[in-house]
C-alpha atoms as a PDB file:
ATOM      1  CA  PHE A   1      18.605   0.782   0.930  1.00  0.00           C
ATOM      2  CA  GLU A   2      16.975   3.877   2.304  1.00  0.00           C
ATOM      3  CA  VAL A   3      13.537   5.471   1.920  1.00  0.00           C
ATOM      4  CA  LYS A   4      13.848   9.068   0.773  1.00  0.00           C
ATOM      5  CA  ALA A   5      11.870  11.827  -0.909  1.00  0.00           C
ATOM      6  CA  LEU A   6      12.162  11.671  -4.696  1.00  0.00           C
ATOM      7  CA  GLU A   7      11.431  14.929  -6.496  1.00  0.00           C
ATOM      8  CA  GLY A   8       8.022  14.812  -8.130  1.00  0.00           C
ATOM      9  CA  ARG A   9       7.436  11.186  -7.080  1.00  0.00           C
ATOM     10  CA  GLY A  10       6.865  11.156  -3.321  1.00  0.00           C
ATOM     11  CA  PHE A  11       8.904   8.724  -1.250  1.00  0.00           C
ATOM     12  CA  GLY A  12      10.791   5.792  -2.700  1.00  0.00           C
ATOM     13  CA  VAL A  13      13.466   3.239  -1.943  1.00  0.00           C
ATOM     14  CA  VAL A  14      16.969   3.926  -3.196  1.00  0.00           C
ATOM     15  CA  ALA A  15      19.717   1.306  -3.170  1.00  0.00           C
ATOM     16  CA  LEU A  16      22.842   2.245  -1.225  1.00  0.00           C
ATOM     17  CA  GLN A  17      24.961  -0.448  -2.838  1.00  0.00           C
ATOM     18  CA  ARG A  18      24.986  -2.543  -5.984  1.00  0.00           C
ATOM     19  CA  LEU A  19      22.440  -5.356  -5.876  1.00  0.00           C
ATOM     20  CA  GLU A  20      22.975  -8.796  -7.307  1.00  0.00           C
ATOM     21  CA  ARG A  21      20.265 -10.419  -9.428  1.00  0.00           C
ATOM     22  CA  GLY A  22      17.990 -12.449  -7.165  1.00  0.00           C
ATOM     23  CA  GLU A  23      19.283 -10.846  -3.964  1.00  0.00           C
ATOM     24  CA  CYS A  24      16.653 -10.451  -1.238  1.00  0.00           C
ATOM     25  CA  VAL A  25      16.578  -6.828  -0.130  1.00  0.00           C
ATOM     26  CA  LEU A  26      13.428  -6.883   2.006  1.00  0.00           C
ATOM     27  CA  ALA A  27      11.427  -9.410   4.010  1.00  0.00           C
ATOM     28  CA  GLU A  28       8.441  -7.667   5.552  1.00  0.00           C
ATOM     29  CA  ALA A  29       5.247  -8.843   7.227  1.00  0.00           C
ATOM     30  CA  PRO A  30       2.101  -7.057   6.021  1.00  0.00           C
ATOM     31  CA  LEU A  31       0.333  -4.537   8.230  1.00  0.00           C
ATOM     32  CA  PHE A  32      -2.816  -6.446   7.255  1.00  0.00           C
ATOM     33  CA  THR A  33      -4.279  -8.501   4.448  1.00  0.00           C
ATOM     34  CA  ALA A  34      -7.591  -8.086   2.656  1.00  0.00           C
ATOM     35  CA  GLN A  35      -9.452  -9.624  -0.226  1.00  0.00           C
ATOM     36  CA  ARG A  36      -9.408  -7.521  -3.407  1.00  0.00           C
ATOM     37  CA  VAL A  37     -13.211  -7.940  -3.718  1.00  0.00           C
ATOM     38  CA  ASP A  38     -13.589  -6.294  -0.284  1.00  0.00           C
ATOM     39  CA  LEU A  39     -11.833  -3.137  -1.553  1.00  0.00           C
ATOM     40  CA  PRO A  40     -14.092  -1.830  -4.341  1.00  0.00           C
ATOM     41  CA  LEU A  41     -12.995   1.280  -6.209  1.00  0.00           C
ATOM     42  CA  ASP A  42     -16.482   2.012  -7.570  1.00  0.00           C
ATOM     43  CA  TRP A  43     -18.644   3.987  -5.148  1.00  0.00           C
ATOM     44  CA  ARG A  44     -21.730   2.191  -6.487  1.00  0.00           C
ATOM     45  CA  GLU A  45     -20.400  -1.182  -5.352  1.00  0.00           C
ATOM     46  CA  GLY A  46     -20.553  -0.673  -1.578  1.00  0.00           C
ATOM     47  CA  ARG A  47     -17.385   1.359  -1.279  1.00  0.00           C
ATOM     48  CA  ARG A  48     -18.684   3.541   1.560  1.00  0.00           C
ATOM     49  CA  GLN A  49     -19.397   0.496   3.736  1.00  0.00           C
ATOM     50  CA  ALA A  50     -16.096  -1.112   2.741  1.00  0.00           C
ATOM     51  CA  GLU A  51     -14.224   2.112   3.608  1.00  0.00           C
ATOM     52  CA  VAL A  52     -15.828   2.178   7.070  1.00  0.00           C
ATOM     53  CA  ALA A  53     -14.932  -1.499   7.637  1.00  0.00           C
ATOM     54  CA  LEU A  54     -11.310  -0.961   6.563  1.00  0.00           C
ATOM     55  CA  LYS A  55     -10.956   2.132   8.772  1.00  0.00           C
ATOM     56  CA  ARG A  56     -12.293   0.087  11.675  1.00  0.00           C
ATOM     57  CA  ARG A  57      -9.518  -2.477  11.072  1.00  0.00           C
ATOM     58  CA  LEU A  58      -6.922   0.274  10.829  1.00  0.00           C
ATOM     59  CA  GLY A  59      -8.144   1.720  14.128  1.00  0.00           C
ATOM     60  CA  GLN A  60      -7.235  -1.540  15.855  1.00  0.00           C
ATOM     61  CA  MET A  61      -3.593  -1.246  14.792  1.00  0.00           C
ATOM     62  CA  SER A  62      -0.891   0.594  16.741  1.00  0.00           C
ATOM     63  CA  LYS A  63      -0.594   4.332  16.124  1.00  0.00           C
ATOM     64  CA  ASN A  64       2.810   3.733  14.553  1.00  0.00           C
ATOM     65  CA  ASP A  65       1.369   1.244  12.048  1.00  0.00           C
ATOM     66  CA  GLN A  66      -1.579   3.546  11.348  1.00  0.00           C
ATOM     67  CA  ASN A  67       0.841   6.376  10.581  1.00  0.00           C
ATOM     68  CA  LYS A  68       2.860   4.130   8.248  1.00  0.00           C
ATOM     69  CA  PHE A  69      -0.344   3.306   6.382  1.00  0.00           C
ATOM     70  CA  TRP A  70      -1.683   6.876   6.083  1.00  0.00           C
ATOM     71  CA  GLU A  71       1.725   8.141   4.865  1.00  0.00           C
ATOM     72  CA  LEU A  72       1.380   5.996   1.721  1.00  0.00           C
ATOM     73  CA  GLN A  73       0.174   7.419  -1.592  1.00  0.00           C
ATOM     74  CA  ASP A  74      -3.439   7.213  -2.816  1.00  0.00           C
ATOM     75  CA  CYS A  75      -3.472   7.405  -6.623  1.00  0.00           C
ATOM     76  CA  PHE A  76      -7.253   6.848  -6.706  1.00  0.00           C
ATOM     77  CA  SER A  77      -8.133  10.017  -4.755  1.00  0.00           C
ATOM     78  CA  MET A  78     -10.207  12.511  -6.723  1.00  0.00           C
ATOM     79  CA  SER A  79      -9.361  15.247  -4.214  1.00  0.00           C
ATOM     80  CA  SER A  80      -6.609  15.939  -1.718  1.00  0.00           C
ATOM     81  CA  LYS A  81      -8.333  13.625   0.791  1.00  0.00           C
ATOM     82  CA  LYS A  82      -6.934  10.102   0.870  1.00  0.00           C
ATOM     83  CA  THR A  83      -9.139   7.066   1.373  1.00  0.00           C
ATOM     84  CA  ALA A  84      -8.139   3.831   3.081  1.00  0.00           C
ATOM     85  CA  ILE A  85      -9.275   1.797   0.078  1.00  0.00           C
ATOM     86  CA  GLY A  86      -7.389   4.084  -2.316  1.00  0.00           C
ATOM     87  CA  ILE A  87      -4.188   3.722  -0.292  1.00  0.00           C
ATOM     88  CA  CYS A  88      -4.606  -0.034  -0.069  1.00  0.00           C
ATOM     89  CA  ARG A  89      -5.338  -0.486  -3.780  1.00  0.00           C
ATOM     90  CA  THR A  90      -2.423   1.798  -4.708  1.00  0.00           C
ATOM     91  CA  ASN A  91       0.152   0.095  -2.494  1.00  0.00           C
ATOM     92  CA  ALA A  92      -0.940  -3.457  -1.697  1.00  0.00           C
ATOM     93  CA  PHE A  93       0.639  -6.453  -3.357  1.00  0.00           C
ATOM     94  CA  THR A  94      -1.031  -9.724  -4.230  1.00  0.00           C
ATOM     95  CA  ARG A  95      -0.045 -12.399  -1.732  1.00  0.00           C
ATOM     96  CA  ASN A  96      -1.725 -15.264  -3.510  1.00  0.00           C
ATOM     97  CA  ALA A  97      -2.903 -14.580  -7.053  1.00  0.00           C
ATOM     98  CA  ARG A  98      -5.397 -17.440  -6.965  1.00  0.00           C
ATOM     99  CA  ASP A  99      -7.531 -16.107  -4.129  1.00  0.00           C
ATOM    100  CA  GLY A 100      -7.049 -12.347  -4.561  1.00  0.00           C
ATOM    101  CA  THR A 101      -5.474 -11.751  -1.146  1.00  0.00           C
ATOM    102  CA  LEU A 102      -3.687  -8.407  -0.954  1.00  0.00           C
ATOM    103  CA  GLY A 103      -1.081  -7.479   1.645  1.00  0.00           C
ATOM    104  CA  CYS A 104      -0.237  -3.938   2.694  1.00  0.00           C
ATOM    105  CA  PHE A 105       3.540  -3.696   3.097  1.00  0.00           C
ATOM    106  CA  PRO A 106       4.527  -0.124   4.071  1.00  0.00           C
ATOM    107  CA  THR A 107       8.208  -0.390   3.147  1.00  0.00           C
ATOM    108  CA  GLY A 108       7.652  -2.662   0.148  1.00  0.00           C
ATOM    109  CA  ALA A 109       5.172  -0.124  -1.202  1.00  0.00           C
ATOM    110  CA  ARG A 110       8.027   2.362  -1.474  1.00  0.00           C
ATOM    111  CA  PHE A 111       9.798   0.221  -4.087  1.00  0.00           C
ATOM    112  CA  ASN A 112       8.978   1.177  -7.677  1.00  0.00           C
ATOM    113  CA  HIS A 113       6.039  -1.047  -8.561  1.00  0.00           C
ATOM    114  CA  SER A 114       4.713   1.011 -11.427  1.00  0.00           C
ATOM    115  CA  CYS A 115       4.371  -0.270 -14.950  1.00  0.00           C
ATOM    116  CA  ARG A 116       6.484   2.742 -15.902  1.00  0.00           C
ATOM    117  CA  PRO A 117      10.015   2.894 -14.438  1.00  0.00           C
END
């Protein structure tokens, strides 16, 4: 597969060959994990403090990993300014549904994970 710009959709993963059902196409470690409850979308629920805490964690990562994170889409942004929580909630995947742990996978986030194909 390759990651490429898709008109009107940002960046996405495109298969370069036919895939077989059940074939593993990506095994990726997360840039970081976080609890869903620590990433509130509502500004009244401590989002400002949570945003600062998440940015602090991001600042401890390599510049390359930080760039990978900030290049991801934020569908929760009300303006042109992205937020760390918005990016995480847009692109993170549940690692363990029982405890609400989310993982931020920069390449995996480029796969279509919308409810609408």
